[in-house]
Structures are given as structure tokens and as C-alpha cells.
């Protein structure tokens, strides 16, 4: 059994912010899903196994790993917001 490298421990204000985003439902679906992943993976409030999170949110295991890693390395904003994607610039 491997040891988890990226452990999510949300602070109270982070948890409240994530819950507010999920409840409002006005953000895009990808951001809401990332918030739900972090809330489910929180070690301080009833931690769930990665497989349980994947099945309940209908995402793959890699997605959960990437979101947890981004939270540990970049913080809350880095984990829930999308980065700019490479590609052709927008045509106006």
C-alpha cells in the first residue's frame, strides 16, 4: 500500500468558500467538480477513499490525483481555477 503524497487539509474559510461555490451553481461545471473533489478529499472532515470520490462524482482517479496535487502545490486558487490553455488565439 503506497503512502499518499498529497494530503488535503482544508482550513475553515477554504471549506466555506468551496461550499459557497458548490451551492451557488453559477460557476462552470468543471470548477464546481473540482470544489466537490476537494471537499470530499478533506482529511479534517470525514475523509473518503479516492475510489469512493471517483464513483460518487463520476470522475477518473487521475482527475482526483491532479486536483489534490495542485491544491498542495499551488493552494486553493490554483486548484479550482483553470489555467490558460495553449492553442490558436481567439479571433475577434
PDB file of N, CA and C in Angstrom:
ATOM      1  N   UNK A   1       0.843  -1.171   0.000  1.00  0.00           N
ATOM      2  CA  UNK A   1       0.000   0.000   0.000  1.00  0.00           C
ATOM      3  C   UNK A   1       0.892   1.239   0.000  1.00  0.00           C
ATOM      4  N   UNK A   2       0.653   2.122  -0.940  1.00  0.00           N
ATOM      5  CA  UNK A   2       1.501   3.300  -1.047  1.00  0.00           C
ATOM      6  C   UNK A   2       1.000   4.404  -0.117  1.00  0.00           C
ATOM      7  N   UNK A   3       1.930   5.235   0.297  1.00  0.00           N
ATOM      8  CA  UNK A   3       1.583   6.352   1.169  1.00  0.00           C
ATOM      9  C   UNK A   3       1.159   7.534   0.295  1.00  0.00           C
ATOM     10  N   UNK A   4       0.100   8.229   0.713  1.00  0.00           N
ATOM     11  CA  UNK A   4      -0.375   9.382  -0.042  1.00  0.00           C
ATOM     12  C   UNK A   4       0.630  10.510   0.068  1.00  0.00           C
ATOM     13  N   UNK A   5       0.927  11.120  -1.064  1.00  0.00           N
ATOM     14  CA  UNK A   5       1.878  12.213  -1.062  1.00  0.00           C
ATOM     15  C   UNK A   5       1.181  13.551  -0.907  1.00  0.00           C
ATOM     16  N   UNK A   6      -0.007  13.680  -1.443  1.00  0.00           N
ATOM     17  CA  UNK A   6      -0.694  14.964  -1.460  1.00  0.00           C
ATOM     18  C   UNK A   6      -1.957  14.873  -0.599  1.00  0.00           C
ATOM     19  N   UNK A   7      -1.849  15.380   0.611  1.00  0.00           N
ATOM     20  CA  UNK A   7      -2.935  15.302   1.573  1.00  0.00           C
ATOM     21  C   UNK A   7      -3.657  16.643   1.606  1.00  0.00           C
ATOM     22  N   UNK A   8      -4.980  16.599   1.505  1.00  0.00           N
ATOM     23  CA  UNK A   8      -5.796  17.815   1.515  1.00  0.00           C
ATOM     24  C   UNK A   8      -6.307  18.050   2.931  1.00  0.00           C
ATOM     25  N   UNK A   9      -5.927  19.188   3.497  1.00  0.00           N
ATOM     26  CA  UNK A   9      -6.424  19.616   4.810  1.00  0.00           C
ATOM     27  C   UNK A   9      -6.920  21.044   4.650  1.00  0.00           C
ATOM     28  N   UNK A  10      -8.201  21.178   4.442  1.00  0.00           N
ATOM     29  CA  UNK A  10      -8.791  22.494   4.206  1.00  0.00           C
ATOM     30  C   UNK A  10      -8.918  23.277   5.506  1.00  0.00           C
ATOM     31  N   UNK A  11      -8.654  24.556   5.415  1.00  0.00           N
ATOM     32  CA  UNK A  11      -8.914  25.453   6.533  1.00  0.00           C
ATOM     33  C   UNK A  11     -10.402  25.801   6.516  1.00  0.00           C
ATOM     34  N   UNK A  12     -10.913  26.289   7.613  1.00  0.00           N
ATOM     35  CA  UNK A  12     -12.351  26.552   7.718  1.00  0.00           C
ATOM     36  C   UNK A  12     -12.827  27.540   6.654  1.00  0.00           C
ATOM     37  N   UNK A  13     -12.074  28.617   6.428  1.00  0.00           N
ATOM     38  CA  UNK A  13     -12.506  29.597   5.421  1.00  0.00           C
ATOM     39  C   UNK A  13     -12.445  29.034   4.004  1.00  0.00           C
ATOM     40  N   UNK A  14     -11.504  28.111   3.746  1.00  0.00           N
ATOM     41  CA  UNK A  14     -11.438  27.458   2.428  1.00  0.00           C
ATOM     42  C   UNK A  14     -12.646  26.558   2.232  1.00  0.00           C
ATOM     43  N   UNK A  15     -12.994  25.798   3.279  1.00  0.00           N
ATOM     44  CA  UNK A  15     -14.143  24.903   3.201  1.00  0.00           C
ATOM     45  C   UNK A  15     -15.426  25.701   2.954  1.00  0.00           C
ATOM     46  N   UNK A  16     -15.576  26.831   3.647  1.00  0.00           N
ATOM     47  CA  UNK A  16     -16.762  27.661   3.455  1.00  0.00           C
ATOM     48  C   UNK A  16     -16.824  28.223   2.040  1.00  0.00           C
ATOM     49  N   UNK A  17     -15.679  28.631   1.512  1.00  0.00           N
ATOM     50  CA  UNK A  17     -15.653  29.165   0.142  1.00  0.00           C
ATOM     51  C   UNK A  17     -16.044  28.093  -0.869  1.00  0.00           C
ATOM     52  N   UNK A  18     -15.505  26.880  -0.712  1.00  0.00           N
ATOM     53  CA  UNK A  18     -15.831  25.789  -1.634  1.00  0.00           C
ATOM     54  C   UNK A  18     -17.321  25.441  -1.553  1.00  0.00           C
ATOM     55  N   UNK A  19     -17.855  25.382  -0.349  1.00  0.00           N
ATOM     56  CA  UNK A  19     -19.275  25.075  -0.186  1.00  0.00           C
ATOM     57  C   UNK A  19     -20.148  26.153  -0.818  1.00  0.00           C
ATOM     58  N   UNK A  20     -19.722  27.408  -0.706  1.00  0.00           N
ATOM     59  CA  UNK A  20     -20.477  28.508  -1.303  1.00  0.00           C
ATOM     60  C   UNK A  20     -20.482  28.402  -2.834  1.00  0.00           C
ATOM     61  N   UNK A  21     -19.345  28.023  -3.421  1.00  0.00           N
ATOM     62  CA  UNK A  21     -19.266  27.856  -4.876  1.00  0.00           C
ATOM     63  C   UNK A  21     -20.170  26.722  -5.330  1.00  0.00           C
ATOM     64  N   UNK A  22     -20.143  25.606  -4.612  1.00  0.00           N
ATOM     65  CA  UNK A  22     -20.967  24.452  -4.979  1.00  0.00           C
ATOM     66  C   UNK A  22     -22.451  24.773  -4.838  1.00  0.00           C
ATOM     67  N   UNK A  23     -22.831  25.443  -3.749  1.00  0.00           N
ATOM     68  CA  UNK A  23     -24.247  25.778  -3.521  1.00  0.00           C
ATOM     69  C   UNK A  23     -24.784  26.772  -4.539  1.00  0.00           C
ATOM     70  N   UNK A  24     -23.957  27.752  -4.921  1.00  0.00           N
ATOM     71  CA  UNK A  24     -24.450  28.796  -5.824  1.00  0.00           C
ATOM     72  C   UNK A  24     -24.752  28.233  -7.205  1.00  0.00           C
ATOM     73  N   UNK A  25     -23.886  27.360  -7.705  1.00  0.00           N
ATOM     74  CA  UNK A  25     -24.118  26.737  -9.001  1.00  0.00           C
ATOM     75  C   UNK A  25     -23.962  27.679 -10.180  1.00  0.00           C
ATOM     76  N   UNK A  26     -23.398  28.872  -9.977  1.00  0.00           N
ATOM     77  CA  UNK A  26     -23.268  29.833 -11.067  1.00  0.00           C
ATOM     78  C   UNK A  26     -21.940  29.710 -11.806  1.00  0.00           C
ATOM     79  N   UNK A  27     -20.965  29.033 -11.222  1.00  0.00           N
ATOM     80  CA  UNK A  27     -19.682  28.828 -11.889  1.00  0.00           C
ATOM     81  C   UNK A  27     -19.809  27.679 -12.882  1.00  0.00           C
ATOM     82  N   UNK A  28     -18.763  27.509 -13.715  1.00  0.00           N
ATOM     83  CA  UNK A  28     -18.847  26.425 -14.690  1.00  0.00           C
ATOM     84  C   UNK A  28     -18.749  25.060 -13.996  1.00  0.00           C
ATOM     85  N   UNK A  29     -19.206  24.046 -14.682  1.00  0.00           N
ATOM     86  CA  UNK A  29     -19.321  22.707 -14.090  1.00  0.00           C
ATOM     87  C   UNK A  29     -17.961  22.140 -13.705  1.00  0.00           C
ATOM     88  N   UNK A  30     -16.937  22.451 -14.463  1.00  0.00           N
ATOM     89  CA  UNK A  30     -15.603  21.924 -14.158  1.00  0.00           C
ATOM     90  C   UNK A  30     -15.096  22.479 -12.821  1.00  0.00           C
ATOM     91  N   UNK A  31     -15.329  23.752 -12.561  1.00  0.00           N
ATOM     92  CA  UNK A  31     -14.889  24.366 -11.306  1.00  0.00           C
ATOM     93  C   UNK A  31     -15.666  23.782 -10.135  1.00  0.00           C
ATOM     94  N   UNK A  32     -16.963  23.587 -10.308  1.00  0.00           N
ATOM     95  CA  UNK A  32     -17.782  23.003  -9.243  1.00  0.00           C
ATOM     96  C   UNK A  32     -17.328  21.581  -8.935  1.00  0.00           C
ATOM     97  N   UNK A  33     -16.979  20.821  -9.966  1.00  0.00           N
ATOM     98  CA  UNK A  33     -16.493  19.459  -9.758  1.00  0.00           C
ATOM     99  C   UNK A  33     -15.181  19.468  -8.994  1.00  0.00           C
ATOM    100  N   UNK A  34     -14.285  20.391  -9.329  1.00  0.00           N
ATOM    101  CA  UNK A  34     -13.026  20.490  -8.595  1.00  0.00           C
ATOM    102  C   UNK A  34     -13.272  20.841  -7.131  1.00  0.00           C
ATOM    103  N   UNK A  35     -14.229  21.704  -6.867  1.00  0.00           N
ATOM    104  CA  UNK A  35     -14.579  22.051  -5.480  1.00  0.00           C
ATOM    105  C   UNK A  35     -15.121  20.837  -4.742  1.00  0.00           C
ATOM    106  N   UNK A  36     -15.967  20.074  -5.394  1.00  0.00           N
ATOM    107  CA  UNK A  36     -16.521  18.866  -4.762  1.00  0.00           C
ATOM    108  C   UNK A  36     -15.435  17.847  -4.460  1.00  0.00           C
ATOM    109  N   UNK A  37     -14.453  17.719  -5.350  1.00  0.00           N
ATOM    110  CA  UNK A  37     -13.344  16.797  -5.122  1.00  0.00           C
ATOM    111  C   UNK A  37     -12.571  17.207  -3.874  1.00  0.00           C
ATOM    112  N   UNK A  38     -12.263  18.487  -3.756  1.00  0.00           N
ATOM    113  CA  UNK A  38     -11.514  18.959  -2.587  1.00  0.00           C
ATOM    114  C   UNK A  38     -12.305  18.781  -1.299  1.00  0.00           C
ATOM    115  N   UNK A  39     -13.597  19.046  -1.350  1.00  0.00           N
ATOM    116  CA  UNK A  39     -14.424  18.863  -0.148  1.00  0.00           C
ATOM    117  C   UNK A  39     -14.468  17.392   0.267  1.00  0.00           C
ATOM    118  N   UNK A  40     -14.554  16.499  -0.697  1.00  0.00           N
ATOM    119  CA  UNK A  40     -14.618  15.066  -0.386  1.00  0.00           C
ATOM    120  C   UNK A  40     -13.264  14.536   0.080  1.00  0.00           C
ATOM    121  N   UNK A  41     -12.175  15.123  -0.416  1.00  0.00           N
ATOM    122  CA  UNK A  41     -10.837  14.637  -0.077  1.00  0.00           C
ATOM    123  C   UNK A  41     -10.286  15.262   1.194  1.00  0.00           C
ATOM    124  N   UNK A  42     -11.027  16.159   1.804  1.00  0.00           N
ATOM    125  CA  UNK A  42     -10.567  16.859   3.006  1.00  0.00           C
ATOM    126  C   UNK A  42     -10.332  15.882   4.152  1.00  0.00           C
ATOM    127  N   UNK A  43      -9.105  15.862   4.659  1.00  0.00           N
ATOM    128  CA  UNK A  43      -8.731  14.951   5.746  1.00  0.00           C
ATOM    129  C   UNK A  43      -9.367  15.330   7.076  1.00  0.00           C
ATOM    130  N   UNK A  44      -9.663  16.604   7.274  1.00  0.00           N
ATOM    131  CA  UNK A  44     -10.149  17.042   8.579  1.00  0.00           C
ATOM    132  C   UNK A  44     -11.644  16.792   8.765  1.00  0.00           C
ATOM    133  N   UNK A  45     -12.385  16.582   7.694  1.00  0.00           N
ATOM    134  CA  UNK A  45     -13.837  16.366   7.781  1.00  0.00           C
ATOM    135  C   UNK A  45     -14.241  15.090   7.047  1.00  0.00           C
ATOM    136  N   UNK A  46     -14.148  13.961   7.688  1.00  0.00           N
ATOM    137  CA  UNK A  46     -14.648  12.710   7.128  1.00  0.00           C
ATOM    138  C   UNK A  46     -14.059  12.338   5.785  1.00  0.00           C
ATOM    139  N   UNK A  47     -12.776  12.092   5.740  1.00  0.00           N
ATOM    140  CA  UNK A  47     -12.067  11.722   4.520  1.00  0.00           C
ATOM    141  C   UNK A  47     -12.688  10.508   3.849  1.00  0.00           C
ATOM    142  N   UNK A  48     -12.811  10.557   2.529  1.00  0.00           N
ATOM    143  CA  UNK A  48     -13.295   9.408   1.749  1.00  0.00           C
ATOM    144  C   UNK A  48     -12.135   8.838   0.943  1.00  0.00           C
ATOM    145  N   UNK A  49     -12.254   7.577   0.580  1.00  0.00           N
ATOM    146  CA  UNK A  49     -11.253   6.952  -0.272  1.00  0.00           C
ATOM    147  C   UNK A  49     -11.361   7.510  -1.690  1.00  0.00           C
ATOM    148  N   UNK A  50     -10.257   7.460  -2.409  1.00  0.00           N
ATOM    149  CA  UNK A  50     -10.209   8.018  -3.763  1.00  0.00           C
ATOM    150  C   UNK A  50     -11.219   7.327  -4.672  1.00  0.00           C
ATOM    151  N   UNK A  51     -11.352   6.022  -4.529  1.00  0.00           N
ATOM    152  CA  UNK A  51     -12.310   5.277  -5.362  1.00  0.00           C
ATOM    153  C   UNK A  51     -13.744   5.717  -5.087  1.00  0.00           C
ATOM    154  N   UNK A  52     -14.062   5.958  -3.830  1.00  0.00           N
ATOM    155  CA  UNK A  52     -15.412   6.410  -3.472  1.00  0.00           C
ATOM    156  C   UNK A  52     -15.694   7.786  -4.068  1.00  0.00           C
ATOM    157  N   UNK A  53     -14.706   8.672  -4.010  1.00  0.00           N
ATOM    158  CA  UNK A  53     -14.875  10.004  -4.582  1.00  0.00           C
ATOM    159  C   UNK A  53     -15.094   9.896  -6.090  1.00  0.00           C
ATOM    160  N   UNK A  54     -14.284   9.076  -6.745  1.00  0.00           N
ATOM    161  CA  UNK A  54     -14.385   8.925  -8.201  1.00  0.00           C
ATOM    162  C   UNK A  54     -15.755   8.399  -8.617  1.00  0.00           C
ATOM    163  N   UNK A  55     -16.257   7.438  -7.882  1.00  0.00           N
ATOM    164  CA  UNK A  55     -17.557   6.867  -8.229  1.00  0.00           C
ATOM    165  C   UNK A  55     -18.698   7.837  -7.941  1.00  0.00           C
ATOM    166  N   UNK A  56     -18.622   8.543  -6.834  1.00  0.00           N
ATOM    167  CA  UNK A  56     -19.722   9.441  -6.473  1.00  0.00           C
ATOM    168  C   UNK A  56     -19.776  10.675  -7.374  1.00  0.00           C
ATOM    169  N   UNK A  57     -18.623  11.160  -7.835  1.00  0.00           N
ATOM    170  CA  UNK A  57     -18.597  12.362  -8.675  1.00  0.00           C
ATOM    171  C   UNK A  57     -18.457  12.051 -10.160  1.00  0.00           C
ATOM    172  N   UNK A  58     -18.326  10.758 -10.489  1.00  0.00           N
ATOM    173  CA  UNK A  58     -18.219  10.314 -11.877  1.00  0.00           C
ATOM    174  C   UNK A  58     -17.013  10.948 -12.574  1.00  0.00           C
ATOM    175  N   UNK A  59     -15.854  10.878 -11.921  1.00  0.00           N
ATOM    176  CA  UNK A  59     -14.598  11.343 -12.500  1.00  0.00           C
ATOM    177  C   UNK A  59     -13.576  10.218 -12.384  1.00  0.00           C
ATOM    178  N   UNK A  60     -12.491  10.322 -13.142  1.00  0.00           N
ATOM    179  CA  UNK A  60     -11.477   9.271 -13.077  1.00  0.00           C
ATOM    180  C   UNK A  60     -10.520   9.530 -11.912  1.00  0.00           C
ATOM    181  N   UNK A  61      -9.777   8.511 -11.552  1.00  0.00           N
ATOM    182  CA  UNK A  61      -8.854   8.604 -10.424  1.00  0.00           C
ATOM    183  C   UNK A  61      -7.765   9.637 -10.678  1.00  0.00           C
ATOM    184  N   UNK A  62      -7.329   9.761 -11.928  1.00  0.00           N
ATOM    185  CA  UNK A  62      -6.274  10.721 -12.265  1.00  0.00           C
ATOM    186  C   UNK A  62      -6.725  12.156 -11.990  1.00  0.00           C
ATOM    187  N   UNK A  63      -7.979  12.450 -12.249  1.00  0.00           N
ATOM    188  CA  UNK A  63      -8.503  13.796 -12.002  1.00  0.00           C
ATOM    189  C   UNK A  63      -8.375  14.149 -10.526  1.00  0.00           C
ATOM    190  N   UNK A  64      -8.714  13.220  -9.670  1.00  0.00           N
ATOM    191  CA  UNK A  64      -8.626  13.448  -8.229  1.00  0.00           C
ATOM    192  C   UNK A  64      -7.169  13.655  -7.820  1.00  0.00           C
ATOM    193  N   UNK A  65      -6.277  12.842  -8.382  1.00  0.00           N
ATOM    194  CA  UNK A  65      -4.857  12.981  -8.082  1.00  0.00           C
ATOM    195  C   UNK A  65      -4.354  14.358  -8.501  1.00  0.00           C
ATOM    196  N   UNK A  66      -4.706  14.805  -9.701  1.00  0.00           N
ATOM    197  CA  UNK A  66      -4.232  16.103 -10.204  1.00  0.00           C
ATOM    198  C   UNK A  66      -4.762  17.263  -9.372  1.00  0.00           C
ATOM    199  N   UNK A  67      -6.027  17.207  -8.970  1.00  0.00           N
ATOM    200  CA  UNK A  67      -6.609  18.291  -8.178  1.00  0.00           C
ATOM    201  C   UNK A  67      -5.958  18.341  -6.796  1.00  0.00           C
ATOM    202  N   UNK A  68      -5.744  17.194  -6.178  1.00  0.00           N
ATOM    203  CA  UNK A  68      -5.084  17.158  -4.870  1.00  0.00           C
ATOM    204  C   UNK A  68      -3.654  17.676  -4.970  1.00  0.00           C
ATOM    205  N   UNK A  69      -2.950  17.298  -6.022  1.00  0.00           N
ATOM    206  CA  UNK A  69      -1.578  17.762  -6.208  1.00  0.00           C
ATOM    207  C   UNK A  69      -1.540  19.280  -6.407  1.00  0.00           C
ATOM    208  N   UNK A  70      -2.452  19.805  -7.230  1.00  0.00           N
ATOM    209  CA  UNK A  70      -2.487  21.243  -7.462  1.00  0.00           C
ATOM    210  C   UNK A  70      -2.824  22.006  -6.184  1.00  0.00           C
ATOM    211  N   UNK A  71      -3.702  21.440  -5.351  1.00  0.00           N
ATOM    212  CA  UNK A  71      -4.018  22.094  -4.073  1.00  0.00           C
ATOM    213  C   UNK A  71      -2.770  22.166  -3.192  1.00  0.00           C
ATOM    214  N   UNK A  72      -2.037  21.080  -3.097  1.00  0.00           N
ATOM    215  CA  UNK A  72      -0.855  21.051  -2.232  1.00  0.00           C
ATOM    216  C   UNK A  72       0.267  21.940  -2.762  1.00  0.00           C
ATOM    217  N   UNK A  73       0.398  22.061  -4.070  1.00  0.00           N
ATOM    218  CA  UNK A  73       1.497  22.829  -4.647  1.00  0.00           C
ATOM    219  C   UNK A  73       1.151  24.295  -4.880  1.00  0.00           C
ATOM    220  N   UNK A  74      -0.102  24.581  -5.270  1.00  0.00           N
ATOM    221  CA  UNK A  74      -0.466  25.934  -5.680  1.00  0.00           C
ATOM    222  C   UNK A  74      -1.506  26.596  -4.784  1.00  0.00           C
ATOM    223  N   UNK A  75      -2.067  25.863  -3.860  1.00  0.00           N
ATOM    224  CA  UNK A  75      -3.079  26.425  -2.983  1.00  0.00           C
ATOM    225  C   UNK A  75      -4.480  26.290  -3.569  1.00  0.00           C
ATOM    226  N   UNK A  76      -5.437  26.873  -2.880  1.00  0.00           N
ATOM    227  CA  UNK A  76      -6.842  26.732  -3.249  1.00  0.00           C
ATOM    228  C   UNK A  76      -7.143  27.338  -4.614  1.00  0.00           C
ATOM    229  N   UNK A  77      -6.671  28.559  -4.859  1.00  0.00           N
ATOM    230  CA  UNK A  77      -6.959  29.221  -6.139  1.00  0.00           C
ATOM    231  C   UNK A  77      -6.384  28.443  -7.311  1.00  0.00           C
ATOM    232  N   UNK A  78      -5.185  27.918  -7.153  1.00  0.00           N
ATOM    233  CA  UNK A  78      -4.562  27.139  -8.217  1.00  0.00           C
ATOM    234  C   UNK A  78      -5.291  25.840  -8.499  1.00  0.00           C
ATOM    235  N   UNK A  79      -5.925  25.291  -7.481  1.00  0.00           N
ATOM    236  CA  UNK A  79      -6.608  24.013  -7.645  1.00  0.00           C
ATOM    237  C   UNK A  79      -7.977  24.153  -8.299  1.00  0.00           C
ATOM    238  N   UNK A  80      -8.698  25.239  -8.009  1.00  0.00           N
ATOM    239  CA  UNK A  80     -10.064  25.318  -8.522  1.00  0.00           C
ATOM    240  C   UNK A  80     -10.195  26.121  -9.811  1.00  0.00           C
ATOM    241  N   UNK A  81      -9.220  26.978 -10.112  1.00  0.00           N
ATOM    242  CA  UNK A  81      -9.309  27.779 -11.330  1.00  0.00           C
ATOM    243  C   UNK A  81      -8.502  27.149 -12.451  1.00  0.00           C
ATOM    244  N   UNK A  82      -8.991  27.295 -13.671  1.00  0.00           N
ATOM    245  CA  UNK A  82      -8.296  26.752 -14.830  1.00  0.00           C
ATOM    246  C   UNK A  82      -7.163  27.669 -15.236  1.00  0.00           C
ATOM    247  N   UNK A  83      -6.132  27.056 -15.758  1.00  0.00           N
ATOM    248  CA  UNK A  83      -5.015  27.821 -16.301  1.00  0.00           C
ATOM    249  C   UNK A  83      -5.288  28.079 -17.782  1.00  0.00           C
ATOM    250  N   UNK A  84      -4.581  29.043 -18.334  1.00  0.00           N
ATOM    251  CA  UNK A  84      -4.724  29.332 -19.753  1.00  0.00           C
ATOM    252  C   UNK A  84      -4.241  28.133 -20.562  1.00  0.00           C
ATOM    253  N   UNK A  85      -4.944  27.857 -21.630  1.00  0.00           N
ATOM    254  CA  UNK A  85      -4.583  26.720 -22.474  1.00  0.00           C
ATOM    255  C   UNK A  85      -3.862  27.223 -23.721  1.00  0.00           C
ATOM    256  N   UNK A  86      -2.923  26.420 -24.171  1.00  0.00           N
ATOM    257  CA  UNK A  86      -2.229  26.799 -25.383  1.00  0.00           C
ATOM    258  C   UNK A  86      -3.142  26.528 -26.583  1.00  0.00           C
ATOM    259  N   UNK A  87      -2.825  27.142 -27.663  1.00  0.00           N
ATOM    260  CA  UNK A  87      -3.633  26.948 -28.867  1.00  0.00           C
ATOM    261  C   UNK A  87      -3.730  28.238 -29.639  1.00  0.00           C
ATOM    262  N   UNK A  88      -4.545  28.181 -30.643  1.00  0.00           N
ATOM    263  CA  UNK A  88      -4.707  29.340 -31.508  1.00  0.00           C
ATOM    264  C   UNK A  88      -5.417  30.467 -30.740  1.00  0.00           C
ATOM    265  N   UNK A  89      -4.906  31.699 -30.899  1.00  0.00           N
ATOM    266  CA  UNK A  89      -5.556  32.828 -30.230  1.00  0.00           C
ATOM    267  C   UNK A  89      -6.975  33.046 -30.750  1.00  0.00           C
ATOM    268  N   UNK A  90      -7.826  33.646 -29.925  1.00  0.00           N
ATOM    269  CA  UNK A  90      -9.188  33.940 -30.325  1.00  0.00           C
ATOM    270  C   UNK A  90      -9.220  34.944 -31.459  1.00  0.00           C
ATOM    271  N   UNK A  91     -10.135  34.742 -32.388  1.00  0.00           N
ATOM    272  CA  UNK A  91     -10.300  35.680 -33.490  1.00  0.00           C
ATOM    273  C   UNK A  91     -11.431  36.629 -33.149  1.00  0.00           C
ATOM    274  N   UNK A  92     -11.153  37.903 -33.312  1.00  0.00           N
ATOM    275  CA  UNK A  92     -12.174  38.904 -32.974  1.00  0.00           C
ATOM    276  C   UNK A  92     -12.788  39.453 -34.229  1.00  0.00           C
TER     277      UNK A  92
END
